[in-house]
Amino acid sequence: MSLDPRAAESLLAFWADAGVEALYAEVRQDRMAQGLEALRPRLVAPAAPPAAGPTALRGPALASPEAAAAAQSARELAAAAADLDQLAAAIAGFEGCPLRFQGARQAVFSRGAADAPVMVIGEGPGADEDAQGAPFVGRAGKLLDKMLAAAGLTGRAFITNTVFWRPPGNRTPTPAEQMACAPFVERAIALVQPRALLLVGAASAKSMLQRTEGILAMRGRWFEWRSEDGALEIPAMPTLHPAFLLRQPAAKKKAWEDLLTLTDRLDRPARPS
């Protein structure tokens, strides 16, 4: 009996969102024997690792020179943007992200209130977003809007992504692609000055927080997002992506719990100074 391709795609997406990045082989493997065999040639002492030095950029530890140069260019353009309109124009003219040249129709930056107390950051535009030029406007976006409305966050969210061009086939953006766009995301945070970040999906949470755990391990927990220069520090909560919830409706309860935790923190009376 053949497996329905749609069911297979849904299952693979479920495991990817859950942070699973490896599968067992179809044939049993004797890992102990393989490990011992691998150790046998190592009879000489390993070379001392190079001394650790300061890193100029956040992002992948072994970022290519091209990715580093793209991030530096984005940083300069972002710093020159005095408001969100100028930032949107800078993104539209930016050529340092490879996704721009891989079939995307246009840059997709943001939607929502410029002074919103919550910034929602997803992973990247899909087909509907690429066509309309705004993030989260497809089926997943409609579900996100319903969830925000139910939590009392209508008009209180600024929505963007970690990359601004649609990845081919709606694949997950690579760390290098996210690194190229990161200065623009950081500048958007600085301009909006949200009180909290809602990081939607594993790709967003891993990129923004520089962590490796899967989304099921991070969701519902508070972390601190810090700007590259350390001037900004904002509480951030990872949660499940609406596209994941469309495939796994039973998980909506977890996402709802996350939103309630978020709104409780937002609406908590400020402590007297």
Protein backbone atom coordinates (compact mmCIF):
# COMPACT_ATOMS: atom_id res chain seq x y z
CA MET A 1 0.00 0.00 0.00
CA SER A 2 1.48 3.34 -1.05
CA LEU A 3 1.59 6.32 1.31
CA ASP A 4 -0.47 9.37 0.41
CA PRO A 5 2.11 12.07 -0.56
CA ARG A 6 0.11 14.66 1.37
CA ALA A 7 0.22 12.53 4.50
CA ALA A 8 3.97 12.01 4.07
CA GLU A 9 4.53 15.75 3.62
CA SER A 10 2.48 16.51 6.74
CA LEU A 11 4.40 13.93 8.77
CA LEU A 12 7.78 15.23 7.65
CA ALA A 13 6.72 18.80 8.41
CA PHE A 14 5.59 17.72 11.89
CA TRP A 15 8.98 16.23 12.71
CA ALA A 16 10.84 19.18 11.21
CA ASP A 17 8.83 21.64 13.33
CA ALA A 18 9.51 19.46 16.36
CA GLY A 19 13.25 19.84 15.79
CA VAL A 20 14.02 16.31 14.54
CA GLU A 21 16.96 16.50 12.16
CA ALA A 22 18.00 12.84 11.81
CA LEU A 23 16.38 9.47 11.12
CA TYR A 24 17.28 5.92 12.01
CA ALA A 25 18.66 3.80 9.19
CA GLU A 26 16.45 1.09 7.70
CA VAL A 27 19.09 -1.58 8.51
CA ARG A 28 20.28 -2.13 12.06
CA GLN A 29 23.71 -0.72 12.77
CA ASP A 30 26.23 -1.81 15.40
CA ARG A 31 27.15 1.66 16.61
CA MET A 32 29.52 0.34 19.30
CA ALA A 33 31.61 -1.55 16.75
CA GLN A 34 31.59 1.40 14.38
CA GLY A 35 32.69 3.72 17.17
CA LEU A 36 35.59 1.48 18.16
CA GLU A 37 36.66 1.19 14.53
CA ALA A 38 36.61 4.95 14.14
CA LEU A 39 38.84 5.38 17.19
CA ARG A 40 41.58 2.99 16.06
CA PRO A 41 43.36 5.37 13.66
CA ARG A 42 43.52 8.06 16.30
CA LEU A 43 46.82 6.94 17.84
CA VAL A 44 48.46 10.34 17.66
CA ALA A 45 47.51 13.21 19.89
CA PRO A 46 45.00 15.57 18.28
CA ALA A 47 46.23 19.01 17.34
CA ALA A 48 45.41 21.75 19.78
CA PRO A 49 42.32 23.70 18.78
CA PRO A 50 42.90 27.26 17.59
CA ALA A 51 42.60 29.93 20.21
CA ALA A 52 39.13 31.39 20.41
CA GLY A 53 38.90 34.97 19.27
CA PRO A 54 36.13 37.55 19.30
CA THR A 55 33.41 37.19 16.66
CA ALA A 56 32.27 40.27 14.84
CA LEU A 57 28.85 38.94 13.90
CA ARG A 58 26.12 36.96 15.55
CA GLY A 59 24.99 33.95 13.59
CA PRO A 60 26.59 30.74 12.34
CA ALA A 61 29.97 30.20 13.94
CA LEU A 62 31.53 29.38 10.58
CA ALA A 63 29.81 32.00 8.47
CA SER A 64 31.22 32.34 4.97
CA PRO A 65 32.93 35.59 3.94
CA GLU A 66 29.99 36.22 1.61
CA ALA A 67 27.45 35.89 4.43
CA ALA A 68 29.53 38.11 6.70
CA ALA A 69 29.82 40.76 3.99
CA ALA A 70 26.09 40.63 3.31
CA ALA A 71 25.31 41.06 7.00
CA GLN A 72 27.68 44.01 7.25
CA SER A 73 26.03 45.67 4.24
CA ALA A 74 22.59 45.07 5.78
CA ARG A 75 23.81 46.52 9.07
CA GLU A 76 24.90 49.75 7.39
CA LEU A 77 21.64 50.10 5.45
CA ALA A 78 19.53 49.33 8.51
CA ALA A 79 21.38 51.83 10.70
CA ALA A 80 20.64 54.59 8.19
CA ALA A 81 16.89 53.97 8.30
CA ALA A 82 15.23 56.55 10.53
CA ASP A 83 11.76 55.00 10.40
CA LEU A 84 9.93 51.90 9.21
CA ASP A 85 9.22 53.31 5.75
CA GLN A 86 12.92 53.94 5.21
CA LEU A 87 13.69 50.49 6.55
CA ALA A 88 11.22 48.92 4.12
CA ALA A 89 12.86 50.81 1.25
CA ALA A 90 16.31 49.66 2.38
CA ILE A 91 15.15 46.04 2.45
CA ALA A 92 13.55 46.33 -0.99
CA GLY A 93 16.87 47.55 -2.42
CA PHE A 94 19.07 45.06 -0.56
CA GLU A 95 20.83 42.51 -2.77
CA GLY A 96 22.82 40.64 -0.13
CA CYS A 97 20.27 37.88 0.58
CA PRO A 98 20.46 35.05 -1.99
CA LEU A 99 16.70 34.47 -1.71
CA ARG A 100 16.09 37.68 -3.64
CA PHE A 101 17.41 35.99 -6.79
CA GLN A 102 15.75 32.58 -6.35
CA GLY A 103 12.32 33.30 -7.80
CA ALA A 104 10.78 35.68 -5.25
CA ARG A 105 8.54 38.36 -6.75
CA GLN A 106 9.21 41.05 -4.16
CA ALA A 107 10.46 41.82 -0.68
CA VAL A 108 7.92 41.13 2.09
CA PHE A 109 8.63 43.22 5.18
CA SER A 110 5.82 43.80 7.65
CA ARG A 111 2.27 44.65 8.59
CA GLY A 112 0.73 45.93 11.80
CA ALA A 113 0.96 48.87 14.18
CA ALA A 114 4.26 50.74 14.21
CA ASP A 115 4.02 51.17 18.00
CA ALA A 116 2.73 47.68 18.79
CA PRO A 117 3.59 46.20 22.19
CA VAL A 118 4.13 42.78 20.56
CA MET A 119 6.34 41.93 17.60
CA VAL A 120 5.51 38.62 15.91
CA ILE A 121 8.47 37.18 14.01
CA GLY A 122 7.95 34.21 11.70
CA GLU A 123 10.44 32.43 9.48
CA GLY A 124 9.78 33.67 5.93
CA PRO A 125 7.15 34.53 3.32
CA GLY A 126 5.15 31.86 1.50
CA ALA A 127 3.42 31.96 -1.86
CA ASP A 128 0.52 34.18 -0.73
CA GLU A 129 2.86 36.57 1.03
CA ASP A 130 5.13 36.74 -2.01
CA ALA A 131 2.14 37.60 -4.19
CA GLN A 132 0.62 40.20 -1.86
CA GLY A 133 3.76 41.74 -0.38
CA ALA A 134 2.75 41.33 3.27
CA PRO A 135 3.61 38.65 5.86
CA PHE A 136 1.14 36.09 7.18
CA VAL A 137 -1.71 36.67 4.73
CA GLY A 138 -2.32 33.07 3.64
CA ARG A 139 -4.12 30.28 5.53
CA ALA A 140 -1.54 30.32 8.32
CA GLY A 141 -1.80 34.10 8.55
CA LYS A 142 -5.58 34.00 8.83
CA LEU A 143 -5.26 31.52 11.69
CA LEU A 144 -2.66 33.75 13.34
CA ASP A 145 -5.00 36.75 13.11
CA LYS A 146 -7.84 34.74 14.69
CA MET A 147 -5.57 33.64 17.51
CA LEU A 148 -4.34 37.18 18.15
CA ALA A 149 -7.92 38.47 18.11
CA ALA A 150 -9.06 35.82 20.58
CA ALA A 151 -6.20 36.80 22.89
CA GLY A 152 -7.13 40.49 22.71
CA LEU A 153 -4.11 41.40 20.57
CA THR A 154 -5.88 42.80 17.52
CA GLY A 155 -4.09 46.03 16.58
CA ARG A 156 -1.37 45.31 19.15
CA ALA A 157 1.01 43.29 16.98
CA PHE A 158 3.68 44.18 14.44
CA ILE A 159 4.32 41.17 12.18
CA THR A 160 7.48 40.35 10.23
CA ASN A 161 9.83 37.43 9.44
CA THR A 162 13.49 36.46 9.78
CA VAL A 163 13.90 36.71 5.97
CA PHE A 164 12.05 38.94 3.53
CA TRP A 165 11.98 36.90 0.33
CA ARG A 166 10.15 33.64 -0.25
CA PRO A 167 12.46 30.59 -0.05
CA PRO A 168 11.99 28.31 -3.09
CA GLY A 169 9.30 25.73 -2.43
CA ASN A 170 8.57 27.36 0.94
CA ARG A 171 11.58 25.60 2.41
CA THR A 172 13.05 26.69 5.74
CA PRO A 173 15.49 29.61 5.32
CA THR A 174 19.12 28.76 5.95
CA PRO A 175 21.12 30.32 8.81
CA ALA A 176 23.18 32.26 6.23
CA GLU A 177 20.01 33.72 4.68
CA GLN A 178 18.70 34.66 8.12
CA MET A 179 22.07 36.16 9.02
CA ALA A 180 21.95 38.42 5.97
CA CYS A 181 18.55 39.78 7.02
CA ALA A 182 19.13 39.87 10.79
CA PRO A 183 20.28 43.52 10.95
CA PHE A 184 17.00 44.62 9.37
CA VAL A 185 15.00 42.60 11.91
CA GLU A 186 17.03 44.12 14.73
CA ARG A 187 16.48 47.63 13.37
CA ALA A 188 12.74 46.98 13.15
CA ILE A 189 12.75 45.97 16.80
CA ALA A 190 14.64 49.14 17.71
CA LEU A 191 12.15 51.31 15.80
CA VAL A 192 8.97 49.62 17.07
CA GLN A 193 10.24 49.17 20.65
CA PRO A 194 7.89 46.27 21.48
CA ARG A 195 7.50 45.07 25.03
CA ALA A 196 7.68 41.41 23.97
CA LEU A 197 8.63 39.25 20.99
CA LEU A 198 6.52 36.28 19.88
CA LEU A 199 8.81 33.98 17.88
CA VAL A 200 6.66 31.83 15.63
CA GLY A 201 8.10 28.44 14.71
CA ALA A 202 11.43 26.68 15.15
CA ALA A 203 13.33 28.57 12.45
CA SER A 204 12.44 31.92 13.98
CA ALA A 205 13.14 30.91 17.58
CA LYS A 206 16.50 29.31 16.75
CA SER A 207 17.65 32.28 14.70
CA MET A 208 16.50 35.03 17.04
CA LEU A 209 17.69 33.36 20.25
CA GLN A 210 20.74 31.57 18.81
CA ARG A 211 19.63 28.27 20.33
CA THR A 212 19.51 24.74 18.99
CA GLU A 213 16.54 23.19 20.80
CA GLY A 214 13.41 22.19 18.92
CA ILE A 215 10.32 24.34 19.14
CA LEU A 216 8.49 21.86 21.38
CA ALA A 217 11.25 22.27 23.96
CA MET A 218 11.29 26.08 23.77
CA ARG A 219 7.62 27.00 23.33
CA GLY A 220 5.83 28.65 26.22
CA ARG A 221 9.08 29.69 27.92
CA TRP A 222 10.43 33.19 28.36
CA PHE A 223 13.89 34.01 27.01
CA GLU A 224 15.75 37.30 26.67
CA TRP A 225 16.51 38.56 23.18
CA ARG A 226 19.48 40.93 23.09
CA SER A 227 20.55 43.23 20.29
CA GLU A 228 24.02 42.77 18.86
CA ASP A 229 25.36 45.82 20.68
CA GLY A 230 23.61 44.88 23.92
CA ALA A 231 21.60 48.10 24.00
CA LEU A 232 18.24 46.33 23.73
CA GLU A 233 17.00 43.45 25.83
CA ILE A 234 13.43 42.27 25.29
CA PRO A 235 11.54 39.22 26.62
CA ALA A 236 10.82 36.70 23.88
CA MET A 237 8.54 33.67 23.80
CA PRO A 238 8.73 30.96 21.12
CA THR A 239 5.46 29.34 20.07
CA LEU A 240 4.17 26.95 17.43
CA HIS A 241 3.79 28.14 13.84
CA PRO A 242 0.19 28.47 12.58
CA ALA A 243 1.11 26.32 9.57
CA PHE A 244 2.04 23.56 12.02
CA LEU A 245 -1.27 24.03 13.81
CA LEU A 246 -3.15 23.62 10.54
CA ARG A 247 -1.46 20.24 10.11
CA GLN A 248 -1.76 19.28 13.78
CA PRO A 249 -4.95 20.88 15.18
CA ALA A 250 -4.52 19.13 18.52
CA ALA A 251 -1.51 21.36 19.19
CA LYS A 252 -3.65 24.53 19.13
CA LYS A 253 -4.17 24.19 22.88
CA LYS A 254 -0.43 24.63 23.47
CA ALA A 255 -0.28 27.72 21.25
CA TRP A 256 -3.30 29.19 23.03
CA GLU A 257 -1.60 28.66 26.38
CA ASP A 258 1.43 30.52 25.04
CA LEU A 259 -0.71 33.49 23.94
CA LEU A 260 -2.42 33.64 27.33
CA THR A 261 0.99 33.71 29.01
CA LEU A 262 2.03 36.53 26.67
CA THR A 263 -1.07 38.65 27.24
CA ASP A 264 -0.85 38.12 30.98
CA ARG A 265 2.65 39.59 30.95
CA LEU A 266 1.61 42.48 28.71
CA ASP A 267 -1.41 43.40 30.80
CA ARG A 268 0.29 42.99 34.16
CA PRO A 269 0.36 46.33 36.00
CA ALA A 270 3.74 47.99 35.91
CA ARG A 271 5.68 47.95 39.14
CA PRO A 272 5.93 51.35 40.79
CA SER A 273 9.34 52.95 40.28
